Amino acid sequence: MTTRQKVVKDKTGFLVRHHNFLVSWASVAVALGLWEVLGRSGLVPPLFLPGFSAVLASGYEMVANGEIFGHLFASLWRIGWGFFLGAGAGIVTGVAVGYFQLADDIARPLVAATYPIPKIAILPLLILWLGIGEGSKVAVIALGVFFPVVINVRAGVRNVDPLLIKAALSLGSGPFNVIRRVILPMTLPMMFAGLKLGVGIALLLVVTAEMIAADKGIGFLILSSADLMQTTRLLFGIMVVSGLGISFAWILDRLEQLLIPWRE
């Protein structure tokens, strides 16, 4: 038994791990304290690394005047649509290529050929096709989310016990009923793994896309602050992105625990 987590069995007999959140938050507090000490020590000029308190003060000012909310809502809108479209297409495609061999034969080489392409490199082409508005930014996020989801879902479908599928088919279930009642429930752990990877990629891409082709958003805030050498605003923008990442991970963890109760 480690001090990091407790391991017990619930009434179903499955092992359930309970993390020590006090230790987790203490590590964050120590890191922020070291940041503040380093910023106040004078070893690094404040222009390059202002203290944590100075960043918070700048952030409070942006919250008080409402400036941050316009950037935040713009980024959340793009992330929401891009993640929804990319994850939805990835789940459907992943189940199809994992279950139907013909679909796998068709899609696998296409995914293998396009997955390594940096998605942000496609943004100029998407701007040419969809314009400089929201469509191109949502599309590049959706592309980034699609690939980790489809790869993980396909792997999850391929790892389903074939005896369960044969049993369902022998009881008269059609292919789509097998997918709904057998494949999808058994694929949920790998599906959530893909979604967690996808949401991180969505954050990366939205910030990068907003730096290239936007006049509002967290990425635009970070780049414009860097151009004006406003380091406290820049770091606060980075902290907002980090907070979004923590929030999205927490939401997906709660959904995973709700849908897969035996997961930690």
C-alpha atoms as a PDB file:
ATOM      1  CA  MET A   1       0.000   0.000   0.000  1.00  0.00           C
ATOM      2  CA  THR A   2       1.463   3.339  -1.035  1.00  0.00           C
ATOM      3  CA  THR A   3       0.792   6.734   0.501  1.00  0.00           C
ATOM      4  CA  ARG A   4      -0.256   8.037  -2.907  1.00  0.00           C
ATOM      5  CA  GLN A   5      -3.514   6.122  -3.069  1.00  0.00           C
ATOM      6  CA  LYS A   6      -5.644   3.666  -1.195  1.00  0.00           C
ATOM      7  CA  VAL A   7      -6.839   0.511  -2.901  1.00  0.00           C
ATOM      8  CA  VAL A   8     -10.074  -1.105  -1.716  1.00  0.00           C
ATOM      9  CA  LYS A   9     -12.755  -3.316  -3.155  1.00  0.00           C
ATOM     10  CA  ASP A  10     -16.272  -2.108  -3.749  1.00  0.00           C
ATOM     11  CA  LYS A  11     -19.352  -4.323  -3.321  1.00  0.00           C
ATOM     12  CA  THR A  12     -18.919  -5.713  -6.833  1.00  0.00           C
ATOM     13  CA  GLY A  13     -15.405  -6.933  -6.011  1.00  0.00           C
ATOM     14  CA  PHE A  14     -13.630  -4.522  -8.341  1.00  0.00           C
ATOM     15  CA  LEU A  15     -10.557  -2.683  -7.111  1.00  0.00           C
ATOM     16  CA  VAL A  16     -11.222   1.025  -6.574  1.00  0.00           C
ATOM     17  CA  ARG A  17      -8.343   3.476  -6.120  1.00  0.00           C
ATOM     18  CA  HIS A  18      -8.801   6.590  -4.014  1.00  0.00           C
ATOM     19  CA  HIS A  19      -6.210   9.258  -4.731  1.00  0.00           C
ATOM     20  CA  ASN A  20      -4.837  11.538  -2.043  1.00  0.00           C
ATOM     21  CA  PHE A  21      -5.970  14.904  -3.371  1.00  0.00           C
ATOM     22  CA  LEU A  22      -4.263  16.740  -0.495  1.00  0.00           C
ATOM     23  CA  VAL A  23      -0.870  15.575  -1.748  1.00  0.00           C
ATOM     24  CA  SER A  24      -1.784  16.475  -5.333  1.00  0.00           C
ATOM     25  CA  TRP A  25      -2.822  20.025  -4.471  1.00  0.00           C
ATOM     26  CA  ALA A  26       0.166  20.428  -2.134  1.00  0.00           C
ATOM     27  CA  SER A  27       2.498  19.741  -5.056  1.00  0.00           C
ATOM     28  CA  VAL A  28       0.756  22.467  -7.073  1.00  0.00           C
ATOM     29  CA  ALA A  29       1.050  24.894  -4.144  1.00  0.00           C
ATOM     30  CA  VAL A  30       4.774  24.169  -3.799  1.00  0.00           C
ATOM     31  CA  ALA A  31       5.338  24.775  -7.539  1.00  0.00           C
ATOM     32  CA  LEU A  32       3.455  28.100  -7.389  1.00  0.00           C
ATOM     33  CA  GLY A  33       5.380  29.095  -4.253  1.00  0.00           C
ATOM     34  CA  LEU A  34       8.705  28.402  -5.956  1.00  0.00           C
ATOM     35  CA  TRP A  35       7.537  30.458  -8.934  1.00  0.00           C
ATOM     36  CA  GLU A  36       6.713  33.395  -6.626  1.00  0.00           C
ATOM     37  CA  VAL A  37      10.048  33.157  -4.810  1.00  0.00           C
ATOM     38  CA  LEU A  38      11.982  33.014  -8.067  1.00  0.00           C
ATOM     39  CA  GLY A  39      10.043  35.978  -9.471  1.00  0.00           C
ATOM     40  CA  ARG A  40      10.737  38.081  -6.360  1.00  0.00           C
ATOM     41  CA  SER A  41      14.366  36.995  -5.948  1.00  0.00           C
ATOM     42  CA  GLY A  42      15.670  39.219  -8.739  1.00  0.00           C
ATOM     43  CA  LEU A  43      17.590  36.335 -10.296  1.00  0.00           C
ATOM     44  CA  VAL A  44      15.324  36.608 -13.332  1.00  0.00           C
ATOM     45  CA  PRO A  45      14.181  40.040 -14.609  1.00  0.00           C
ATOM     46  CA  PRO A  46      10.415  40.570 -14.043  1.00  0.00           C
ATOM     47  CA  LEU A  47       9.988  41.204 -17.757  1.00  0.00           C
ATOM     48  CA  PHE A  48      10.984  37.597 -18.419  1.00  0.00           C
ATOM     49  CA  LEU A  49       9.400  35.956 -15.358  1.00  0.00           C
ATOM     50  CA  PRO A  50       7.096  38.057 -13.181  1.00  0.00           C
ATOM     51  CA  GLY A  51       5.998  36.602  -9.866  1.00  0.00           C
ATOM     52  CA  PHE A  52       2.845  34.544  -9.543  1.00  0.00           C
ATOM     53  CA  SER A  53       1.172  37.323  -7.536  1.00  0.00           C
ATOM     54  CA  ALA A  54       1.862  39.838 -10.323  1.00  0.00           C
ATOM     55  CA  VAL A  55       0.297  37.483 -12.866  1.00  0.00           C
ATOM     56  CA  LEU A  56      -2.754  37.072 -10.619  1.00  0.00           C
ATOM     57  CA  ALA A  57      -3.060  40.837 -10.263  1.00  0.00           C
ATOM     58  CA  SER A  58      -3.000  41.242 -14.032  1.00  0.00           C
ATOM     59  CA  GLY A  59      -5.547  38.452 -14.374  1.00  0.00           C
ATOM     60  CA  TYR A  60      -7.810  40.059 -11.770  1.00  0.00           C
ATOM     61  CA  GLU A  61      -7.736  43.289 -13.751  1.00  0.00           C
ATOM     62  CA  MET A  62      -8.736  41.437 -16.930  1.00  0.00           C
ATOM     63  CA  VAL A  63     -11.564  39.694 -15.077  1.00  0.00           C
ATOM     64  CA  ALA A  64     -12.751  42.937 -13.482  1.00  0.00           C
ATOM     65  CA  ASN A  65     -12.972  44.794 -16.788  1.00  0.00           C
ATOM     66  CA  GLY A  66     -14.453  41.747 -18.550  1.00  0.00           C
ATOM     67  CA  GLU A  67     -11.712  41.540 -21.180  1.00  0.00           C
ATOM     68  CA  ILE A  68     -10.834  37.897 -20.497  1.00  0.00           C
ATOM     69  CA  PHE A  69     -14.396  36.648 -20.989  1.00  0.00           C
ATOM     70  CA  GLY A  70     -14.570  37.640 -24.652  1.00  0.00           C
ATOM     71  CA  HIS A  71     -11.364  35.714 -25.357  1.00  0.00           C
ATOM     72  CA  LEU A  72     -12.431  32.765 -23.217  1.00  0.00           C
ATOM     73  CA  PHE A  73     -15.889  32.374 -24.756  1.00  0.00           C
ATOM     74  CA  ALA A  74     -14.470  32.635 -28.282  1.00  0.00           C
ATOM     75  CA  SER A  75     -12.001  29.825 -27.571  1.00  0.00           C
ATOM     76  CA  LEU A  76     -14.604  27.673 -25.810  1.00  0.00           C
ATOM     77  CA  TRP A  77     -16.993  28.009 -28.758  1.00  0.00           C
ATOM     78  CA  ARG A  78     -14.323  26.820 -31.178  1.00  0.00           C
ATOM     79  CA  ILE A  79     -13.194  23.990 -28.899  1.00  0.00           C
ATOM     80  CA  GLY A  80     -16.772  22.863 -28.273  1.00  0.00           C
ATOM     81  CA  TRP A  81     -17.739  22.577 -31.925  1.00  0.00           C
ATOM     82  CA  GLY A  82     -14.393  21.186 -33.036  1.00  0.00           C
ATOM     83  CA  PHE A  83     -14.322  18.572 -30.281  1.00  0.00           C
ATOM     84  CA  PHE A  84     -17.954  17.574 -30.853  1.00  0.00           C
ATOM     85  CA  LEU A  85     -17.500  17.125 -34.601  1.00  0.00           C
ATOM     86  CA  GLY A  86     -14.091  15.461 -34.402  1.00  0.00           C
ATOM     87  CA  ALA A  87     -14.994  13.107 -31.543  1.00  0.00           C
ATOM     88  CA  GLY A  88     -18.334  12.167 -33.096  1.00  0.00           C
ATOM     89  CA  ALA A  89     -16.769  11.352 -36.448  1.00  0.00           C
ATOM     90  CA  GLY A  90     -13.913   9.529 -34.733  1.00  0.00           C
ATOM     91  CA  ILE A  91     -16.227   7.306 -32.682  1.00  0.00           C
ATOM     92  CA  VAL A  92     -18.402   6.373 -35.664  1.00  0.00           C
ATOM     93  CA  THR A  93     -15.397   5.728 -37.904  1.00  0.00           C
ATOM     94  CA  GLY A  94     -13.506   3.837 -35.197  1.00  0.00           C
ATOM     95  CA  VAL A  95     -16.418   1.475 -34.563  1.00  0.00           C
ATOM     96  CA  ALA A  96     -16.918   0.938 -38.300  1.00  0.00           C
ATOM     97  CA  VAL A  97     -13.291   0.165 -39.101  1.00  0.00           C
ATOM     98  CA  GLY A  98     -12.927  -1.950 -35.988  1.00  0.00           C
ATOM     99  CA  TYR A  99     -15.987  -4.115 -36.643  1.00  0.00           C
ATOM    100  CA  PHE A 100     -16.314  -4.250 -40.433  1.00  0.00           C
ATOM    101  CA  GLN A 101     -13.245  -5.603 -42.208  1.00  0.00           C
ATOM    102  CA  LEU A 102     -14.060  -3.895 -45.512  1.00  0.00           C
ATOM    103  CA  ALA A 103     -14.253  -0.503 -43.796  1.00  0.00           C
ATOM    104  CA  ASP A 104     -10.928  -1.210 -42.098  1.00  0.00           C
ATOM    105  CA  ASP A 105      -9.275  -2.167 -45.390  1.00  0.00           C
ATOM    106  CA  ILE A 106     -10.468   1.107 -46.924  1.00  0.00           C
ATOM    107  CA  ALA A 107      -9.803   3.499 -44.041  1.00  0.00           C
ATOM    108  CA  ARG A 108      -6.647   2.145 -42.393  1.00  0.00           C
ATOM    109  CA  PRO A 109      -4.180   3.256 -45.116  1.00  0.00           C
ATOM    110  CA  LEU A 110      -5.891   6.644 -45.367  1.00  0.00           C
ATOM    111  CA  VAL A 111      -5.620   7.201 -41.602  1.00  0.00           C
ATOM    112  CA  ALA A 112      -2.008   6.015 -41.587  1.00  0.00           C
ATOM    113  CA  ALA A 113      -1.150   8.442 -44.400  1.00  0.00           C
ATOM    114  CA  THR A 114      -2.897  11.523 -42.988  1.00  0.00           C
ATOM    115  CA  TYR A 115      -2.403  11.108 -39.224  1.00  0.00           C
ATOM    116  CA  PRO A 116       1.301  12.167 -39.201  1.00  0.00           C
ATOM    117  CA  ILE A 117       0.555  15.448 -41.015  1.00  0.00           C
ATOM    118  CA  PRO A 118       0.726  18.370 -38.542  1.00  0.00           C
ATOM    119  CA  LYS A 119      -2.858  19.592 -38.441  1.00  0.00           C
ATOM    120  CA  ILE A 120      -1.882  23.233 -38.051  1.00  0.00           C
ATOM    121  CA  ALA A 121      -0.040  22.928 -41.392  1.00  0.00           C
ATOM    122  CA  ILE A 122      -3.431  22.307 -43.000  1.00  0.00           C
ATOM    123  CA  LEU A 123      -4.887  25.534 -41.577  1.00  0.00           C
ATOM    124  CA  PRO A 124      -3.831  27.738 -44.565  1.00  0.00           C
ATOM    125  CA  LEU A 125      -5.562  25.301 -46.906  1.00  0.00           C
ATOM    126  CA  LEU A 126      -8.663  25.277 -44.703  1.00  0.00           C
ATOM    127  CA  ILE A 127      -8.663  29.079 -44.696  1.00  0.00           C
ATOM    128  CA  LEU A 128      -8.523  28.974 -48.497  1.00  0.00           C
ATOM    129  CA  TRP A 129     -11.488  26.568 -48.588  1.00  0.00           C
ATOM    130  CA  LEU A 130     -13.599  27.858 -45.678  1.00  0.00           C
ATOM    131  CA  GLY A 131     -12.454  31.441 -45.269  1.00  0.00           C
ATOM    132  CA  ILE A 132     -10.718  33.127 -42.365  1.00  0.00           C
ATOM    133  CA  GLY A 133     -13.809  32.929 -40.143  1.00  0.00           C
ATOM    134  CA  GLU A 134     -14.785  30.322 -37.594  1.00  0.00           C
ATOM    135  CA  GLY A 135     -15.170  27.424 -40.035  1.00  0.00           C
ATOM    136  CA  SER A 136     -11.460  26.967 -40.682  1.00  0.00           C
ATOM    137  CA  LYS A 137     -10.538  27.050 -36.980  1.00  0.00           C
ATOM    138  CA  VAL A 138     -13.298  24.606 -36.020  1.00  0.00           C
ATOM    139  CA  ALA A 139     -12.284  22.321 -38.871  1.00  0.00           C
ATOM    140  CA  VAL A 140      -8.616  22.156 -37.859  1.00  0.00           C
ATOM    141  CA  ILE A 141      -9.620  21.350 -34.264  1.00  0.00           C
ATOM    142  CA  ALA A 142     -12.016  18.650 -35.465  1.00  0.00           C
ATOM    143  CA  LEU A 143      -9.250  17.089 -37.571  1.00  0.00           C
ATOM    144  CA  GLY A 144      -6.896  17.075 -34.613  1.00  0.00           C
ATOM    145  CA  VAL A 145      -9.452  15.410 -32.346  1.00  0.00           C
ATOM    146  CA  PHE A 146     -10.572  12.873 -34.959  1.00  0.00           C
ATOM    147  CA  PHE A 147      -7.361  10.866 -35.237  1.00  0.00           C
ATOM    148  CA  PRO A 148      -6.650   9.929 -31.595  1.00  0.00           C
ATOM    149  CA  VAL A 149     -10.320   9.067 -31.118  1.00  0.00           C
ATOM    150  CA  VAL A 150     -10.602   6.854 -34.210  1.00  0.00           C
ATOM    151  CA  ILE A 151      -7.330   5.058 -33.444  1.00  0.00           C
ATOM    152  CA  ASN A 152      -8.265   4.349 -29.822  1.00  0.00           C
ATOM    153  CA  VAL A 153     -11.842   3.327 -30.613  1.00  0.00           C
ATOM    154  CA  ARG A 154     -10.677   0.962 -33.352  1.00  0.00           C
ATOM    155  CA  ALA A 155      -8.193  -0.622 -30.942  1.00  0.00           C
ATOM    156  CA  GLY A 156     -10.943  -0.970 -28.335  1.00  0.00           C
ATOM    157  CA  VAL A 157     -13.301  -2.673 -30.794  1.00  0.00           C
ATOM    158  CA  ARG A 158     -10.548  -5.042 -31.935  1.00  0.00           C
ATOM    159  CA  ASN A 159      -9.879  -6.037 -28.314  1.00  0.00           C
ATOM    160  CA  VAL A 160     -13.481  -7.022 -27.567  1.00  0.00           C
ATOM    161  CA  ASP A 161     -13.712 -10.738 -26.805  1.00  0.00           C
ATOM    162  CA  PRO A 162     -14.894 -12.360 -30.080  1.00  0.00           C
ATOM    163  CA  LEU A 163     -16.796 -14.975 -28.057  1.00  0.00           C
ATOM    164  CA  LEU A 164     -19.111 -12.235 -26.784  1.00  0.00           C
ATOM    165  CA  ILE A 165     -19.790 -11.114 -30.336  1.00  0.00           C
ATOM    166  CA  LYS A 166     -20.414 -14.666 -31.523  1.00  0.00           C
ATOM    167  CA  ALA A 167     -22.739 -15.283 -28.574  1.00  0.00           C
ATOM    168  CA  ALA A 168     -24.775 -12.170 -29.393  1.00  0.00           C
ATOM    169  CA  LEU A 169     -24.978 -13.117 -33.056  1.00  0.00           C
ATOM    170  CA  SER A 170     -26.010 -16.671 -32.222  1.00  0.00           C
ATOM    171  CA  LEU A 171     -28.867 -15.293 -30.108  1.00  0.00           C
ATOM    172  CA  GLY A 172     -30.233 -13.475 -33.136  1.00  0.00           C
ATOM    173  CA  SER A 173     -28.763  -9.999 -32.708  1.00  0.00           C
ATOM    174  CA  GLY A 174     -27.994  -8.111 -35.900  1.00  0.00           C
ATOM    175  CA  PRO A 175     -24.670  -6.290 -36.467  1.00  0.00           C
ATOM    176  CA  PHE A 176     -25.940  -2.915 -35.298  1.00  0.00           C
ATOM    177  CA  ASN A 177     -27.539  -4.398 -32.195  1.00  0.00           C
ATOM    178  CA  VAL A 178     -24.233  -6.124 -31.428  1.00  0.00           C
ATOM    179  CA  ILE A 179     -22.468  -2.785 -31.788  1.00  0.00           C
ATOM    180  CA  ARG A 180     -24.937  -1.064 -29.452  1.00  0.00           C
ATOM    181  CA  ARG A 181     -25.146  -3.754 -26.763  1.00  0.00           C
ATOM    182  CA  VAL A 182     -21.696  -5.381 -26.877  1.00  0.00           C
ATOM    183  CA  ILE A 183     -19.138  -3.354 -28.795  1.00  0.00           C
ATOM    184  CA  LEU A 184     -19.803   0.136 -27.441  1.00  0.00           C
ATOM    185  CA  PRO A 185     -19.949  -0.796 -23.711  1.00  0.00           C
ATOM    186  CA  MET A 186     -16.751  -2.845 -23.978  1.00  0.00           C
ATOM    187  CA  THR A 187     -14.989  -0.081 -25.936  1.00  0.00           C
ATOM    188  CA  LEU A 188     -15.722   2.738 -23.477  1.00  0.00           C
ATOM    189  CA  PRO A 189     -12.318   2.663 -21.679  1.00  0.00           C
ATOM    190  CA  MET A 190     -10.381   3.041 -24.930  1.00  0.00           C
ATOM    191  CA  MET A 191     -12.909   5.586 -26.179  1.00  0.00           C
ATOM    192  CA  PHE A 192     -12.323   7.799 -23.151  1.00  0.00           C
ATOM    193  CA  ALA A 193      -8.572   7.423 -23.595  1.00  0.00           C
ATOM    194  CA  GLY A 194      -8.968   8.812 -27.110  1.00  0.00           C
ATOM    195  CA  LEU A 195     -11.239  11.624 -25.919  1.00  0.00           C
ATOM    196  CA  LYS A 196      -8.706  12.684 -23.269  1.00  0.00           C
ATOM    197  CA  LEU A 197      -5.968  12.797 -25.875  1.00  0.00           C
ATOM    198  CA  GLY A 198      -8.288  14.649 -28.234  1.00  0.00           C
ATOM    199  CA  VAL A 199      -9.191  17.393 -25.781  1.00  0.00           C
ATOM    200  CA  GLY A 200      -5.508  18.127 -25.177  1.00  0.00           C
ATOM    201  CA  ILE A 201      -4.914  18.373 -28.918  1.00  0.00           C
ATOM    202  CA  ALA A 202      -7.987  20.608 -29.240  1.00  0.00           C
ATOM    203  CA  LEU A 203      -6.511  23.065 -26.728  1.00  0.00           C
ATOM    204  CA  LEU A 204      -3.171  23.064 -28.518  1.00  0.00           C
ATOM    205  CA  LEU A 205      -4.760  23.654 -31.907  1.00  0.00           C
ATOM    206  CA  VAL A 206      -7.201  26.351 -30.814  1.00  0.00           C
ATOM    207  CA  VAL A 207      -4.380  28.405 -29.298  1.00  0.00           C
ATOM    208  CA  THR A 208      -2.189  27.968 -32.381  1.00  0.00           C
ATOM    209  CA  ALA A 209      -5.025  28.710 -34.801  1.00  0.00           C
ATOM    210  CA  GLU A 210      -5.980  31.856 -32.877  1.00  0.00           C
ATOM    211  CA  MET A 211      -2.390  33.037 -33.087  1.00  0.00           C
ATOM    212  CA  ILE A 212      -2.513  32.733 -36.882  1.00  0.00           C
ATOM    213  CA  ALA A 213      -6.017  33.765 -37.901  1.00  0.00           C
ATOM    214  CA  ALA A 214      -8.120  35.385 -35.187  1.00  0.00           C
ATOM    215  CA  ASP A 215      -8.776  38.711 -33.519  1.00  0.00           C
ATOM    216  CA  LYS A 216     -10.181  37.184 -30.348  1.00  0.00           C
ATOM    217  CA  GLY A 217      -9.429  34.122 -28.230  1.00  0.00           C
ATOM    218  CA  ILE A 218      -6.869  32.931 -25.678  1.00  0.00           C
ATOM    219  CA  GLY A 219      -4.285  32.294 -28.398  1.00  0.00           C
ATOM    220  CA  PHE A 220      -4.747  35.820 -29.745  1.00  0.00           C
ATOM    221  CA  LEU A 221      -4.416  37.181 -26.197  1.00  0.00           C
ATOM    222  CA  ILE A 222      -1.136  35.314 -25.653  1.00  0.00           C
ATOM    223  CA  LEU A 223       0.382  36.416 -28.967  1.00  0.00           C
ATOM    224  CA  SER A 224      -0.711  40.062 -28.703  1.00  0.00           C
ATOM    225  CA  SER A 225       0.620  40.221 -25.127  1.00  0.00           C
ATOM    226  CA  ALA A 226       3.952  38.818 -26.304  1.00  0.00           C
ATOM    227  CA  ASP A 227       4.128  41.425 -29.087  1.00  0.00           C
ATOM    228  CA  LEU A 228       3.614  44.189 -26.505  1.00  0.00           C
ATOM    229  CA  MET A 229       5.949  42.480 -23.980  1.00  0.00           C
ATOM    230  CA  GLN A 230       3.127  42.276 -21.434  1.00  0.00           C
ATOM    231  CA  THR A 231       4.459  39.175 -19.727  1.00  0.00           C
ATOM    232  CA  THR A 232       1.918  39.093 -16.911  1.00  0.00           C
ATOM    233  CA  ARG A 233      -0.981  39.029 -19.380  1.00  0.00           C
ATOM    234  CA  LEU A 234       0.821  36.415 -21.467  1.00  0.00           C
ATOM    235  CA  LEU A 235       1.344  34.136 -18.460  1.00  0.00           C
ATOM    236  CA  PHE A 236      -2.225  34.626 -17.319  1.00  0.00           C
ATOM    237  CA  GLY A 237      -3.399  33.490 -20.754  1.00  0.00           C
ATOM    238  CA  ILE A 238      -1.230  30.387 -20.411  1.00  0.00           C
ATOM    239  CA  MET A 239      -2.727  29.773 -16.967  1.00  0.00           C
ATOM    240  CA  VAL A 240      -6.229  29.987 -18.451  1.00  0.00           C
ATOM    241  CA  VAL A 241      -5.293  27.335 -21.024  1.00  0.00           C
ATOM    242  CA  SER A 242      -3.905  25.158 -18.226  1.00  0.00           C
ATOM    243  CA  GLY A 243      -7.099  25.653 -16.230  1.00  0.00           C
ATOM    244  CA  LEU A 244      -9.188  24.642 -19.229  1.00  0.00           C
ATOM    245  CA  GLY A 245      -7.095  21.494 -19.613  1.00  0.00           C
ATOM    246  CA  ILE A 246      -7.617  20.576 -15.948  1.00  0.00           C
ATOM    247  CA  SER A 247     -11.349  21.292 -16.196  1.00  0.00           C
ATOM    248  CA  PHE A 248     -11.849  19.214 -19.345  1.00  0.00           C
ATOM    249  CA  ALA A 249      -9.844  16.325 -17.871  1.00  0.00           C
ATOM    250  CA  TRP A 250     -11.969  16.455 -14.704  1.00  0.00           C
ATOM    251  CA  ILE A 251     -15.208  16.425 -16.708  1.00  0.00           C
ATOM    252  CA  LEU A 252     -14.083  13.425 -18.764  1.00  0.00           C
ATOM    253  CA  ASP A 253     -12.924  11.606 -15.612  1.00  0.00           C
ATOM    254  CA  ARG A 254     -16.339  12.132 -13.998  1.00  0.00           C
ATOM    255  CA  LEU A 255     -18.128  10.926 -17.138  1.00  0.00           C
ATOM    256  CA  GLU A 256     -15.867   7.886 -17.260  1.00  0.00           C
ATOM    257  CA  GLN A 257     -16.602   7.046 -13.639  1.00  0.00           C
ATOM    258  CA  LEU A 258     -20.316   7.504 -14.294  1.00  0.00           C
ATOM    259  CA  LEU A 259     -20.395   5.260 -17.367  1.00  0.00           C
ATOM    260  CA  ILE A 260     -17.717   2.800 -16.211  1.00  0.00           C
ATOM    261  CA  PRO A 261     -18.197   2.550 -12.423  1.00  0.00           C
ATOM    262  CA  TRP A 262     -15.359   0.053 -11.923  1.00  0.00           C
ATOM    263  CA  ARG A 263     -12.773   2.430 -13.377  1.00  0.00           C
ATOM    264  CA  GLU A 264     -10.743   4.427 -10.912  1.00  0.00           C
END
